Amino acid sequence: MTTTLFSFVDLFRRQLDTAAHLLTKGSAFAAEKGIAESDMLGWRLAEDMHPLSFQAMVVINFSQSWIARAIDVAIPDPVTADLDVAGYQAAITAAKTWLAALTPEQFTDREDVPVTAQLGPNMEPTLPAAQWVTVFAATNIAFHANMVYAILRSNGVPLGKLDVFPSGL
């Protein structure tokens, strides 16, 4: 199998599948324990970290925005961190639909195209599109999907390693 920038579309779809699966398990656990969904979405791994809702938001937004920047198409409207689980699930479905519409041809000769992005008030790096997708985006999406897992697990949701592979290997 040859790995190309287009290969990351499937990787990001799989991360979205993981987030959806984890949110489903977390929501079922919360309902079983009588925990309000809004409380579950407010769970944090540590007090100084963003809550579950933020982690889900980043997985959804980054899976689309960094691909869009790399291939120079409009970035889909971002989701916010104030949705309910149904809202996140709908946003995940929409993100997967957006990714499914992409074609390998859109990625042709895009690896070295410079992309500049504002990453905070004092940081606006320019990197090749391939570096944004394969290093920055892939790492961040995986990190935030893993935070969804860690937050839920640390609050008692019965999860195991297989729960990060709901799409299979």
N, C-alpha and C. Protein backbone atom coordinates (compact mmCIF):
# COMPACT_ATOMS: atom_id res chain seq x y z
N MET A 1 0.84 -1.18 0.00
CA MET A 1 0.00 0.00 0.00
C MET A 1 0.88 1.24 0.00
N THR A 2 0.60 2.14 -0.89
CA THR A 2 1.32 3.41 -0.96
C THR A 2 0.60 4.42 -0.07
N THR A 3 1.37 5.12 0.72
CA THR A 3 0.79 6.17 1.56
C THR A 3 0.94 7.51 0.86
N THR A 4 -0.16 8.22 0.77
CA THR A 4 -0.18 9.55 0.16
C THR A 4 -0.92 10.48 1.11
N LEU A 5 -0.97 11.75 0.78
CA LEU A 5 -1.76 12.66 1.61
C LEU A 5 -3.22 12.21 1.65
N PHE A 6 -3.71 11.67 0.54
CA PHE A 6 -5.09 11.19 0.53
C PHE A 6 -5.31 10.07 1.54
N SER A 7 -4.28 9.30 1.86
CA SER A 7 -4.39 8.23 2.85
C SER A 7 -4.86 8.76 4.21
N PHE A 8 -4.54 10.00 4.49
CA PHE A 8 -4.90 10.57 5.79
C PHE A 8 -6.40 10.85 5.90
N VAL A 9 -7.10 10.90 4.78
CA VAL A 9 -8.55 11.04 4.82
C VAL A 9 -9.14 9.86 5.58
N ASP A 10 -8.69 8.65 5.26
CA ASP A 10 -9.20 7.47 5.95
C ASP A 10 -8.76 7.45 7.42
N LEU A 11 -7.55 7.85 7.70
CA LEU A 11 -7.09 7.92 9.09
C LEU A 11 -7.99 8.85 9.89
N PHE A 12 -8.28 10.02 9.35
CA PHE A 12 -9.11 10.98 10.07
C PHE A 12 -10.55 10.47 10.19
N ARG A 13 -11.05 9.77 9.18
CA ARG A 13 -12.38 9.16 9.29
C ARG A 13 -12.41 8.15 10.42
N ARG A 14 -11.35 7.37 10.54
CA ARG A 14 -11.28 6.38 11.61
C ARG A 14 -11.24 7.05 12.99
N GLN A 15 -10.58 8.17 13.10
CA GLN A 15 -10.57 8.91 14.37
C GLN A 15 -11.97 9.42 14.69
N LEU A 16 -12.69 9.85 13.66
CA LEU A 16 -14.08 10.27 13.87
C LEU A 16 -14.94 9.09 14.32
N ASP A 17 -14.73 7.92 13.71
CA ASP A 17 -15.45 6.72 14.14
C ASP A 17 -15.16 6.41 15.61
N THR A 18 -13.90 6.55 15.98
CA THR A 18 -13.52 6.30 17.38
C THR A 18 -14.22 7.27 18.31
N ALA A 19 -14.21 8.55 17.98
CA ALA A 19 -14.87 9.56 18.82
C ALA A 19 -16.36 9.25 18.94
N ALA A 20 -17.01 8.89 17.83
CA ALA A 20 -18.44 8.57 17.87
C ALA A 20 -18.70 7.37 18.77
N HIS A 21 -17.89 6.33 18.62
CA HIS A 21 -18.04 5.12 19.43
C HIS A 21 -17.86 5.43 20.92
N LEU A 22 -16.83 6.19 21.24
CA LEU A 22 -16.57 6.53 22.64
C LEU A 22 -17.68 7.37 23.23
N LEU A 23 -18.18 8.33 22.45
CA LEU A 23 -19.29 9.16 22.95
C LEU A 23 -20.54 8.31 23.19
N THR A 24 -20.78 7.35 22.33
CA THR A 24 -21.93 6.44 22.51
C THR A 24 -21.78 5.65 23.81
N LYS A 25 -20.59 5.10 24.03
CA LYS A 25 -20.38 4.33 25.26
C LYS A 25 -20.45 5.23 26.50
N GLY A 26 -19.88 6.42 26.40
CA GLY A 26 -19.93 7.35 27.53
C GLY A 26 -21.34 7.77 27.85
N SER A 27 -22.12 8.05 26.82
CA SER A 27 -23.50 8.47 27.01
C SER A 27 -24.33 7.35 27.64
N ALA A 28 -24.13 6.12 27.20
CA ALA A 28 -24.86 4.98 27.78
C ALA A 28 -24.49 4.79 29.24
N PHE A 29 -23.21 4.92 29.56
CA PHE A 29 -22.74 4.80 30.94
C PHE A 29 -23.37 5.89 31.81
N ALA A 30 -23.33 7.13 31.31
CA ALA A 30 -23.89 8.24 32.08
C ALA A 30 -25.38 8.01 32.33
N ALA A 31 -26.11 7.60 31.32
CA ALA A 31 -27.55 7.35 31.48
C ALA A 31 -27.80 6.25 32.50
N GLU A 32 -27.00 5.18 32.43
CA GLU A 32 -27.15 4.06 33.36
C GLU A 32 -26.89 4.50 34.80
N LYS A 33 -25.96 5.43 35.00
CA LYS A 33 -25.60 5.89 36.33
C LYS A 33 -26.38 7.11 36.79
N GLY A 34 -27.30 7.59 35.94
CA GLY A 34 -28.09 8.76 36.29
C GLY A 34 -27.29 10.06 36.24
N ILE A 35 -26.27 10.10 35.43
CA ILE A 35 -25.43 11.29 35.29
C ILE A 35 -25.94 12.08 34.10
N ALA A 36 -26.15 13.37 34.30
CA ALA A 36 -26.63 14.22 33.22
C ALA A 36 -25.60 14.25 32.09
N GLU A 37 -26.10 14.21 30.87
CA GLU A 37 -25.22 14.25 29.70
C GLU A 37 -24.33 15.49 29.73
N SER A 38 -24.89 16.61 30.13
CA SER A 38 -24.10 17.85 30.19
C SER A 38 -22.96 17.72 31.21
N ASP A 39 -23.21 17.01 32.30
CA ASP A 39 -22.14 16.77 33.28
C ASP A 39 -21.05 15.90 32.67
N MET A 40 -21.46 14.85 31.96
CA MET A 40 -20.48 13.97 31.32
C MET A 40 -19.63 14.78 30.34
N LEU A 41 -20.24 15.61 29.54
CA LEU A 41 -19.50 16.39 28.56
C LEU A 41 -18.57 17.41 29.22
N GLY A 42 -18.80 17.68 30.48
CA GLY A 42 -17.94 18.59 31.23
C GLY A 42 -16.80 17.90 31.96
N TRP A 43 -16.78 16.58 31.93
CA TRP A 43 -15.68 15.85 32.60
C TRP A 43 -14.34 16.26 32.01
N ARG A 44 -13.33 16.28 32.88
CA ARG A 44 -11.96 16.62 32.48
C ARG A 44 -11.01 15.56 33.01
N LEU A 45 -9.92 15.38 32.32
CA LEU A 45 -8.89 14.47 32.81
C LEU A 45 -8.13 15.10 33.96
N ALA A 46 -7.90 16.39 33.88
CA ALA A 46 -7.26 17.16 34.94
C ALA A 46 -7.91 18.54 34.95
N GLU A 47 -7.92 19.17 36.09
CA GLU A 47 -8.62 20.45 36.23
C GLU A 47 -8.15 21.51 35.24
N ASP A 48 -6.88 21.49 34.89
CA ASP A 48 -6.36 22.52 33.98
C ASP A 48 -6.44 22.12 32.50
N MET A 49 -7.15 21.04 32.20
CA MET A 49 -7.32 20.59 30.82
C MET A 49 -8.74 20.88 30.35
N HIS A 50 -8.90 20.92 29.03
CA HIS A 50 -10.23 21.14 28.45
C HIS A 50 -11.13 19.92 28.69
N PRO A 51 -12.46 20.16 28.75
CA PRO A 51 -13.40 19.06 29.02
C PRO A 51 -13.62 18.17 27.79
N LEU A 52 -14.34 17.10 28.04
CA LEU A 52 -14.70 16.14 27.01
C LEU A 52 -15.31 16.82 25.79
N SER A 53 -16.20 17.77 26.00
CA SER A 53 -16.85 18.45 24.87
C SER A 53 -15.82 19.12 23.96
N PHE A 54 -14.82 19.75 24.53
CA PHE A 54 -13.76 20.39 23.74
C PHE A 54 -12.97 19.37 22.95
N GLN A 55 -12.66 18.25 23.59
CA GLN A 55 -11.87 17.20 22.93
C GLN A 55 -12.63 16.68 21.70
N ALA A 56 -13.92 16.43 21.84
CA ALA A 56 -14.73 15.96 20.72
C ALA A 56 -14.77 17.02 19.62
N MET A 57 -14.94 18.27 19.99
CA MET A 57 -14.98 19.36 19.02
C MET A 57 -13.71 19.41 18.18
N VAL A 58 -12.56 19.27 18.82
CA VAL A 58 -11.29 19.35 18.10
C VAL A 58 -11.15 18.19 17.13
N VAL A 59 -11.52 16.99 17.54
CA VAL A 59 -11.44 15.84 16.62
C VAL A 59 -12.26 16.13 15.37
N ILE A 60 -13.45 16.63 15.54
CA ILE A 60 -14.34 16.92 14.41
C ILE A 60 -13.77 18.04 13.55
N ASN A 61 -13.42 19.16 14.16
CA ASN A 61 -12.97 20.31 13.39
C ASN A 61 -11.64 20.07 12.68
N PHE A 62 -10.68 19.50 13.39
CA PHE A 62 -9.35 19.30 12.78
C PHE A 62 -9.41 18.28 11.66
N SER A 63 -10.28 17.27 11.77
CA SER A 63 -10.34 16.25 10.73
C SER A 63 -10.75 16.84 9.38
N GLN A 64 -11.41 17.96 9.42
CA GLN A 64 -11.81 18.62 8.18
C GLN A 64 -10.93 19.82 7.84
N SER A 65 -10.64 20.65 8.81
CA SER A 65 -9.97 21.92 8.51
C SER A 65 -8.56 21.75 7.97
N TRP A 66 -7.83 20.78 8.48
CA TRP A 66 -6.44 20.64 8.01
C TRP A 66 -6.37 20.00 6.64
N ILE A 67 -7.30 19.11 6.33
CA ILE A 67 -7.38 18.57 4.98
C ILE A 67 -7.79 19.69 4.02
N ALA A 68 -8.78 20.49 4.42
CA ALA A 68 -9.24 21.59 3.57
C ALA A 68 -8.11 22.56 3.26
N ARG A 69 -7.33 22.91 4.26
CA ARG A 69 -6.20 23.81 4.03
C ARG A 69 -5.19 23.17 3.06
N ALA A 70 -4.94 21.89 3.25
CA ALA A 70 -3.93 21.21 2.42
C ALA A 70 -4.32 21.18 0.95
N ILE A 71 -5.61 21.04 0.67
CA ILE A 71 -6.05 20.95 -0.73
C ILE A 71 -6.67 22.25 -1.22
N ASP A 72 -6.64 23.28 -0.38
CA ASP A 72 -7.11 24.62 -0.74
C ASP A 72 -8.58 24.65 -1.15
N VAL A 73 -9.42 24.12 -0.26
CA VAL A 73 -10.87 24.23 -0.42
C VAL A 73 -11.42 24.91 0.83
N ALA A 74 -12.66 25.36 0.74
CA ALA A 74 -13.29 26.04 1.87
C ALA A 74 -13.33 25.10 3.08
N ILE A 75 -12.99 25.66 4.22
CA ILE A 75 -13.04 24.90 5.48
C ILE A 75 -14.51 24.82 5.92
N PRO A 76 -15.00 23.62 6.18
CA PRO A 76 -16.38 23.51 6.67
C PRO A 76 -16.58 24.32 7.96
N ASP A 77 -17.79 24.77 8.16
CA ASP A 77 -18.09 25.52 9.38
C ASP A 77 -17.71 24.69 10.59
N PRO A 78 -16.99 25.29 11.52
CA PRO A 78 -16.58 24.53 12.72
C PRO A 78 -17.76 24.29 13.66
N VAL A 79 -17.66 23.20 14.41
CA VAL A 79 -18.62 22.95 15.47
C VAL A 79 -18.09 23.62 16.73
N THR A 80 -18.95 23.82 17.68
CA THR A 80 -18.57 24.44 18.94
C THR A 80 -18.54 23.40 20.05
N ALA A 81 -18.02 23.80 21.18
CA ALA A 81 -17.88 22.88 22.31
C ALA A 81 -19.12 22.88 23.21
N ASP A 82 -20.24 23.37 22.70
CA ASP A 82 -21.43 23.44 23.54
C ASP A 82 -22.58 22.58 23.01
N LEU A 83 -22.25 21.58 22.22
CA LEU A 83 -23.28 20.68 21.68
C LEU A 83 -23.63 19.59 22.69
N ASP A 84 -24.75 18.93 22.47
CA ASP A 84 -25.04 17.72 23.24
C ASP A 84 -24.48 16.53 22.46
N VAL A 85 -24.61 15.33 23.02
CA VAL A 85 -24.03 14.16 22.36
C VAL A 85 -24.64 13.97 20.97
N ALA A 86 -25.94 14.15 20.85
CA ALA A 86 -26.58 14.01 19.52
C ALA A 86 -25.99 15.02 18.54
N GLY A 87 -25.71 16.23 19.01
CA GLY A 87 -25.10 17.24 18.15
C GLY A 87 -23.71 16.85 17.71
N TYR A 88 -22.92 16.29 18.63
CA TYR A 88 -21.58 15.82 18.24
C TYR A 88 -21.67 14.65 17.27
N GLN A 89 -22.61 13.74 17.51
CA GLN A 89 -22.77 12.60 16.61
C GLN A 89 -23.18 13.07 15.21
N ALA A 90 -24.06 14.06 15.14
CA ALA A 90 -24.46 14.60 13.84
C ALA A 90 -23.28 15.30 13.16
N ALA A 91 -22.49 16.01 13.93
CA ALA A 91 -21.32 16.69 13.37
C ALA A 91 -20.28 15.68 12.89
N ILE A 92 -20.13 14.57 13.61
CA ILE A 92 -19.21 13.51 13.17
C ILE A 92 -19.71 12.91 11.86
N THR A 93 -20.98 12.66 11.76
CA THR A 93 -21.55 12.12 10.51
C THR A 93 -21.32 13.10 9.36
N ALA A 94 -21.54 14.38 9.61
CA ALA A 94 -21.32 15.39 8.57
C ALA A 94 -19.85 15.46 8.16
N ALA A 95 -18.96 15.37 9.13
CA ALA A 95 -17.52 15.41 8.82
C ALA A 95 -17.12 14.20 7.99
N LYS A 96 -17.65 13.03 8.34
CA LYS A 96 -17.34 11.82 7.57
C LYS A 96 -17.89 11.92 6.15
N THR A 97 -19.05 12.50 6.00
CA THR A 97 -19.64 12.71 4.67
C THR A 97 -18.77 13.65 3.85
N TRP A 98 -18.29 14.72 4.49
CA TRP A 98 -17.41 15.68 3.81
C TRP A 98 -16.13 14.98 3.37
N LEU A 99 -15.52 14.22 4.26
CA LEU A 99 -14.29 13.51 3.91
C LEU A 99 -14.53 12.50 2.78
N ALA A 100 -15.67 11.81 2.80
CA ALA A 100 -15.97 10.79 1.79
C ALA A 100 -16.11 11.38 0.39
N ALA A 101 -16.41 12.66 0.31
CA ALA A 101 -16.57 13.31 -1.00
C ALA A 101 -15.24 13.72 -1.62
N LEU A 102 -14.15 13.62 -0.86
CA LEU A 102 -12.85 14.02 -1.39
C LEU A 102 -12.31 12.95 -2.33
N THR A 103 -11.47 13.39 -3.27
CA THR A 103 -10.89 12.46 -4.25
C THR A 103 -9.37 12.53 -4.20
N PRO A 104 -8.71 11.46 -4.60
CA PRO A 104 -7.24 11.47 -4.62
C PRO A 104 -6.68 12.59 -5.49
N GLU A 105 -7.39 12.92 -6.55
CA GLU A 105 -6.91 13.97 -7.46
C GLU A 105 -6.78 15.33 -6.77
N GLN A 106 -7.60 15.58 -5.77
CA GLN A 106 -7.51 16.86 -5.06
C GLN A 106 -6.19 17.02 -4.30
N PHE A 107 -5.52 15.92 -4.07
CA PHE A 107 -4.28 15.93 -3.30
C PHE A 107 -3.03 15.91 -4.19
N THR A 108 -3.23 15.80 -5.49
CA THR A 108 -2.11 15.69 -6.42
C THR A 108 -1.23 16.94 -6.35
N ASP A 109 0.05 16.70 -6.13
CA ASP A 109 1.07 17.76 -6.09
C ASP A 109 0.82 18.81 -5.00
N ARG A 110 0.15 18.44 -3.94
CA ARG A 110 -0.13 19.39 -2.86
C ARG A 110 0.87 19.28 -1.70
N GLU A 111 1.71 18.23 -1.68
CA GLU A 111 2.58 17.97 -0.54
C GLU A 111 3.47 19.15 -0.16
N ASP A 112 4.03 19.83 -1.14
CA ASP A 112 4.99 20.90 -0.86
C ASP A 112 4.40 22.30 -0.92
N VAL A 113 3.10 22.42 -1.13
CA VAL A 113 2.46 23.73 -1.18
C VAL A 113 2.50 24.35 0.21
N PRO A 114 3.02 25.59 0.31
CA PRO A 114 3.08 26.21 1.64
C PRO A 114 1.69 26.61 2.15
N VAL A 115 1.47 26.31 3.40
CA VAL A 115 0.22 26.67 4.07
C VAL A 115 0.59 27.44 5.33
N THR A 116 -0.03 28.60 5.50
CA THR A 116 0.20 29.43 6.68
C THR A 116 -1.06 29.39 7.53
N ALA A 117 -0.88 29.18 8.82
CA ALA A 117 -2.04 29.11 9.71
C ALA A 117 -1.73 29.84 11.02
N GLN A 118 -2.73 30.53 11.51
CA GLN A 118 -2.64 31.23 12.80
C GLN A 118 -2.91 30.21 13.90
N LEU A 119 -1.93 29.98 14.77
CA LEU A 119 -2.07 29.00 15.85
C LEU A 119 -2.15 29.65 17.22
N GLY A 120 -2.41 30.89 17.26
CA GLY A 120 -2.48 31.61 18.51
C GLY A 120 -2.09 33.04 18.24
N PRO A 121 -2.10 33.85 19.27
CA PRO A 121 -1.83 35.27 19.04
C PRO A 121 -0.42 35.58 18.52
N ASN A 122 0.53 34.73 18.81
CA ASN A 122 1.92 35.03 18.45
C ASN A 122 2.56 33.96 17.56
N MET A 123 1.74 33.13 16.93
CA MET A 123 2.30 32.03 16.16
C MET A 123 1.55 31.88 14.84
N GLU A 124 2.27 32.08 13.73
CA GLU A 124 1.67 31.94 12.41
C GLU A 124 2.68 31.28 11.46
N PRO A 125 2.94 29.99 11.69
CA PRO A 125 3.95 29.32 10.87
C PRO A 125 3.46 29.01 9.45
N THR A 126 4.41 28.91 8.56
CA THR A 126 4.17 28.44 7.20
C THR A 126 4.93 27.14 7.06
N LEU A 127 4.21 26.09 6.71
CA LEU A 127 4.80 24.76 6.53
C LEU A 127 4.24 24.15 5.26
N PRO A 128 4.93 23.16 4.70
CA PRO A 128 4.36 22.44 3.56
C PRO A 128 3.06 21.73 3.98
N ALA A 129 2.11 21.66 3.06
CA ALA A 129 0.82 21.03 3.35
C ALA A 129 1.00 19.63 3.93
N ALA A 130 1.95 18.87 3.39
CA ALA A 130 2.17 17.51 3.88
C ALA A 130 2.58 17.49 5.35
N GLN A 131 3.38 18.46 5.77
CA GLN A 131 3.79 18.50 7.17
C GLN A 131 2.61 18.85 8.07
N TRP A 132 1.77 19.77 7.63
CA TRP A 132 0.57 20.10 8.42
C TRP A 132 -0.29 18.86 8.62
N VAL A 133 -0.53 18.12 7.53
CA VAL A 133 -1.44 16.97 7.60
C VAL A 133 -0.82 15.80 8.35
N THR A 134 0.40 15.43 7.99
CA THR A 134 0.99 14.20 8.52
C THR A 134 1.58 14.35 9.91
N VAL A 135 1.96 15.54 10.28
CA VAL A 135 2.56 15.75 11.60
C VAL A 135 1.60 16.50 12.52
N PHE A 136 1.28 17.73 12.17
CA PHE A 136 0.47 18.55 13.07
C PHE A 136 -0.95 18.00 13.24
N ALA A 137 -1.67 17.84 12.13
CA ALA A 137 -3.07 17.41 12.23
C ALA A 137 -3.19 15.99 12.76
N ALA A 138 -2.44 15.06 12.18
CA ALA A 138 -2.56 13.66 12.61
C ALA A 138 -2.26 13.51 14.10
N THR A 139 -1.23 14.19 14.57
CA THR A 139 -0.86 14.12 15.99
C THR A 139 -1.95 14.72 16.86
N ASN A 140 -2.46 15.88 16.47
CA ASN A 140 -3.47 16.55 17.29
C ASN A 140 -4.79 15.80 17.30
N ILE A 141 -5.22 15.29 16.16
CA ILE A 141 -6.48 14.55 16.12
C ILE A 141 -6.37 13.30 17.00
N ALA A 142 -5.26 12.58 16.87
CA ALA A 142 -5.07 11.39 17.71
C ALA A 142 -5.02 11.76 19.19
N PHE A 143 -4.33 12.84 19.52
CA PHE A 143 -4.25 13.27 20.92
C PHE A 143 -5.64 13.53 21.48
N HIS A 144 -6.45 14.31 20.77
CA HIS A 144 -7.77 14.67 21.30
C HIS A 144 -8.72 13.48 21.32
N ALA A 145 -8.62 12.57 20.35
CA ALA A 145 -9.43 11.34 20.40
C ALA A 145 -9.02 10.51 21.61
N ASN A 146 -7.72 10.46 21.88
CA ASN A 146 -7.25 9.73 23.06
C ASN A 146 -7.67 10.40 24.36
N MET A 147 -7.80 11.71 24.34
CA MET A 147 -8.29 12.41 25.54
C MET A 147 -9.75 12.07 25.78
N VAL A 148 -10.55 11.92 24.72
CA VAL A 148 -11.94 11.48 24.89
C VAL A 148 -11.94 10.13 25.61
N TYR A 149 -11.12 9.21 25.14
CA TYR A 149 -11.00 7.90 25.77
C TYR A 149 -10.56 8.04 27.23
N ALA A 150 -9.50 8.79 27.47
CA ALA A 150 -8.93 8.90 28.82
C ALA A 150 -9.92 9.54 29.80
N ILE A 151 -10.60 10.58 29.35
CA ILE A 151 -11.57 11.25 30.21
C ILE A 151 -12.69 10.28 30.58
N LEU A 152 -13.23 9.59 29.60
CA LEU A 152 -14.32 8.65 29.88
C LEU A 152 -13.83 7.51 30.77
N ARG A 153 -12.68 6.96 30.45
CA ARG A 153 -12.14 5.85 31.24
C ARG A 153 -11.89 6.26 32.69
N SER A 154 -11.35 7.47 32.86
CA SER A 154 -11.03 7.93 34.21
C SER A 154 -12.28 8.20 35.04
N ASN A 155 -13.42 8.30 34.37
CA ASN A 155 -14.69 8.51 35.07
C ASN A 155 -15.51 7.23 35.17
N GLY A 156 -14.88 6.09 34.90
CA GLY A 156 -15.52 4.81 35.13
C GLY A 156 -16.17 4.15 33.94
N VAL A 157 -16.15 4.79 32.77
CA VAL A 157 -16.74 4.16 31.60
C VAL A 157 -15.91 2.93 31.25
N PRO A 158 -16.56 1.77 31.12
CA PRO A 158 -15.81 0.54 30.84
C PRO A 158 -15.32 0.52 29.39
N LEU A 159 -14.08 0.89 29.21
CA LEU A 159 -13.46 0.95 27.89
C LEU A 159 -12.18 0.12 27.90
N GLY A 160 -11.83 -0.38 26.75
CA GLY A 160 -10.58 -1.10 26.58
C GLY A 160 -9.93 -0.68 25.28
N LYS A 161 -8.78 -1.25 25.00
CA LYS A 161 -8.02 -0.87 23.82
C LYS A 161 -8.82 -1.06 22.53
N LEU A 162 -9.63 -2.10 22.47
CA LEU A 162 -10.42 -2.34 21.25
C LEU A 162 -11.39 -1.20 20.95
N ASP A 163 -11.73 -0.42 21.97
CA ASP A 163 -12.64 0.70 21.76
C ASP A 163 -12.02 1.83 20.95
N VAL A 164 -10.72 1.81 20.74
CA VAL A 164 -10.12 2.82 19.87
C VAL A 164 -10.04 2.34 18.42
N PHE A 165 -10.52 1.12 18.16
CA PHE A 165 -10.52 0.55 16.82
C PHE A 165 -11.91 0.10 16.38
N PRO A 166 -12.94 0.95 16.56
CA PRO A 166 -14.28 0.49 16.19
C PRO A 166 -14.44 0.25 14.68
N SER A 167 -13.56 0.82 13.88
CA SER A 167 -13.60 0.61 12.42
C SER A 167 -12.79 -0.60 12.00
N GLY A 168 -12.16 -1.25 12.94
CA GLY A 168 -11.28 -2.37 12.63
C GLY A 168 -9.86 -1.90 12.43
N LEU A 169 -9.00 -2.84 12.11
CA LEU A 169 -7.58 -2.51 11.92
C LEU A 169 -7.32 -2.02 10.51
